[in-house]
Amino acid sequence: MSSRMIFLNLPVADLTRSKNFYEALGWKVNQDFTDENAACIVVDDNICLMLLTMEFFPTFTKRPIADTVAAIGAAYALSLSSAAEVDSITEAAVGAGAIEEVNEDKRAQEAQVGMHGRTFIDPDGHQWEPFWMKG
């Protein structure tokens, strides 16, 4: 395991719904760090999501929680190993309740530099941008 990891702490409205959504993408729940307030979703050996209920998330900050359904706060770009993997994860996300956001101008710009990317919005409004770039 690498000495560096990233944990994204994401507020969620319905912890069970969110766990089910991310499991539908093929990611795993780490039960050792999961309870009624939070769930640890393992994306890979170096990336985990900490899904935190709206009641629990404020214990990590004094600032108000952003309404990510109404406005974007961040975009999570995830490098994948192939264009097919980008399409597969996006289709799984949409099948599990995500909304795909299509931006033809962005797709054209990415294609010019050898990228294939798509964008989906999870049920809590978090924006994911899986992409693949020719090496």
Protein backbone atom coordinates (compact mmCIF):
# COMPACT_ATOMS: atom_id res chain seq x y z
CA MET A 1 0.00 0.00 0.00
CA SER A 2 1.19 3.47 -0.84
CA SER A 3 2.14 5.87 1.93
CA ARG A 4 -0.19 8.47 0.40
CA MET A 5 -3.93 8.15 0.20
CA ILE A 6 -6.82 10.46 -0.37
CA PHE A 7 -10.07 10.34 1.58
CA LEU A 8 -12.89 12.44 0.19
CA ASN A 9 -15.41 13.31 2.90
CA LEU A 10 -18.81 13.72 1.24
CA PRO A 11 -22.05 14.72 2.97
CA VAL A 12 -24.98 12.49 1.98
CA ALA A 13 -28.71 12.73 2.59
CA ASP A 14 -29.36 8.97 2.76
CA LEU A 15 -26.41 6.82 3.81
CA THR A 16 -27.91 3.51 2.65
CA ARG A 17 -28.84 4.95 -0.77
CA SER A 18 -25.34 6.36 -1.19
CA LYS A 19 -23.63 3.10 -0.15
CA ASN A 20 -25.80 1.20 -2.64
CA PHE A 21 -25.01 3.73 -5.38
CA TYR A 22 -21.24 3.43 -4.99
CA GLU A 23 -21.39 -0.35 -4.67
CA ALA A 24 -23.22 -0.37 -8.03
CA LEU A 25 -20.08 1.24 -9.51
CA GLY A 26 -18.06 -1.75 -8.33
CA TRP A 27 -16.54 -0.02 -5.32
CA LYS A 28 -16.50 -1.76 -1.95
CA VAL A 29 -17.68 -0.76 1.53
CA ASN A 30 -15.01 -1.15 4.20
CA GLN A 31 -17.14 -2.36 7.12
CA ASP A 32 -14.33 -1.60 9.62
CA PHE A 33 -14.95 2.13 9.10
CA THR A 34 -18.72 2.06 8.56
CA ASP A 35 -21.52 2.66 11.04
CA GLU A 36 -24.86 4.51 11.17
CA ASN A 37 -23.11 7.89 10.70
CA ALA A 38 -20.54 7.11 8.03
CA ALA A 39 -19.46 4.62 5.40
CA CYS A 40 -16.01 4.09 3.96
CA ILE A 41 -16.12 3.36 0.23
CA VAL A 42 -12.91 1.92 -1.21
CA VAL A 43 -12.31 3.12 -4.76
CA ASP A 44 -8.84 1.57 -4.91
CA ASP A 45 -5.80 1.09 -2.68
CA ASN A 46 -5.15 4.86 -2.53
CA ILE A 47 -8.62 6.44 -2.75
CA CYS A 48 -11.51 6.18 -0.31
CA LEU A 49 -14.75 8.07 0.07
CA MET A 50 -16.08 8.78 3.51
CA LEU A 51 -19.84 9.18 3.15
CA LEU A 52 -21.05 11.16 6.13
CA THR A 53 -24.68 11.74 7.11
CA MET A 54 -25.89 15.34 7.12
CA GLU A 55 -26.12 15.15 10.92
CA PHE A 56 -22.55 13.85 11.34
CA PHE A 57 -20.74 15.90 8.68
CA PRO A 58 -20.91 19.17 10.72
CA THR A 59 -18.71 17.58 13.40
CA PHE A 60 -15.81 18.02 10.95
CA THR A 61 -16.31 21.73 10.25
CA LYS A 62 -17.84 24.93 11.53
CA ARG A 63 -18.82 26.04 8.02
CA PRO A 64 -22.27 25.32 6.58
CA ILE A 65 -22.69 22.34 4.27
CA ALA A 66 -23.05 23.31 0.63
CA ASP A 67 -26.21 22.36 -1.24
CA THR A 68 -24.47 20.27 -3.92
CA VAL A 69 -27.78 19.48 -5.62
CA ALA A 70 -28.33 23.19 -6.38
CA ALA A 71 -24.72 24.28 -7.00
CA ILE A 72 -21.38 22.64 -7.73
CA GLY A 73 -18.76 22.78 -5.01
CA ALA A 74 -16.16 20.53 -6.65
CA ALA A 75 -15.67 18.12 -9.53
CA TYR A 76 -13.97 14.81 -8.81
CA ALA A 77 -11.93 13.73 -11.84
CA LEU A 78 -10.95 10.07 -11.76
CA SER A 79 -8.32 8.71 -14.14
CA LEU A 80 -9.21 5.26 -15.46
CA SER A 81 -7.36 2.68 -17.54
CA SER A 82 -9.44 2.81 -20.73
CA ALA A 83 -12.23 4.59 -22.57
CA ALA A 84 -14.33 1.45 -22.11
CA GLU A 85 -13.86 1.71 -18.33
CA VAL A 86 -15.02 5.36 -18.45
CA ASP A 87 -18.14 4.30 -20.34
CA SER A 88 -18.75 1.31 -18.06
CA ILE A 89 -18.57 3.27 -14.80
CA THR A 90 -20.71 6.07 -16.22
CA GLU A 91 -23.37 3.64 -17.43
CA ALA A 92 -23.31 1.89 -14.02
CA ALA A 93 -23.71 5.26 -12.30
CA VAL A 94 -26.65 6.26 -14.49
CA GLY A 95 -28.22 2.84 -13.93
CA ALA A 96 -27.88 3.37 -10.16
CA GLY A 97 -29.55 6.79 -10.21
CA ALA A 98 -26.93 9.29 -11.36
CA ILE A 99 -27.63 11.93 -13.98
CA GLU A 100 -25.19 12.19 -16.85
CA GLU A 101 -24.21 15.73 -17.72
CA VAL A 102 -23.28 16.02 -21.39
CA ASN A 103 -21.13 18.93 -22.55
CA GLU A 104 -20.31 18.53 -26.23
CA ASP A 105 -17.82 21.44 -26.22
CA LYS A 106 -15.87 19.82 -23.37
CA ARG A 107 -15.93 16.44 -25.12
CA ALA A 108 -14.59 18.00 -28.33
CA GLN A 109 -11.76 19.73 -26.42
CA GLU A 110 -10.85 16.50 -24.66
CA ALA A 111 -10.88 14.51 -27.92
CA GLN A 112 -8.37 16.97 -29.45
CA VAL A 113 -5.81 16.01 -26.78
CA GLY A 114 -6.55 12.27 -26.80
CA MET A 115 -8.90 12.16 -23.84
CA HIS A 116 -12.20 10.39 -23.39
CA GLY A 117 -14.25 11.66 -20.48
CA ARG A 118 -17.79 11.70 -19.24
CA THR A 119 -19.54 13.42 -16.34
CA PHE A 120 -22.17 12.16 -13.94
CA ILE A 121 -23.87 13.65 -10.90
CA ASP A 122 -24.50 11.25 -8.00
CA PRO A 123 -27.80 11.27 -6.06
CA ASP A 124 -26.38 13.84 -3.60
CA GLY A 125 -25.25 16.21 -6.35
CA HIS A 126 -21.53 15.35 -6.26
CA GLN A 127 -20.00 15.68 -9.73
CA TRP A 128 -17.74 12.87 -10.98
CA GLU A 129 -15.64 13.10 -14.13
CA PRO A 130 -14.14 9.73 -15.05
CA PHE A 131 -11.61 10.07 -17.86
CA TRP A 132 -8.98 8.21 -19.84
CA MET A 133 -6.06 9.77 -21.69
CA LYS A 134 -3.88 8.17 -24.32
CA GLY A 135 -0.45 7.53 -22.84
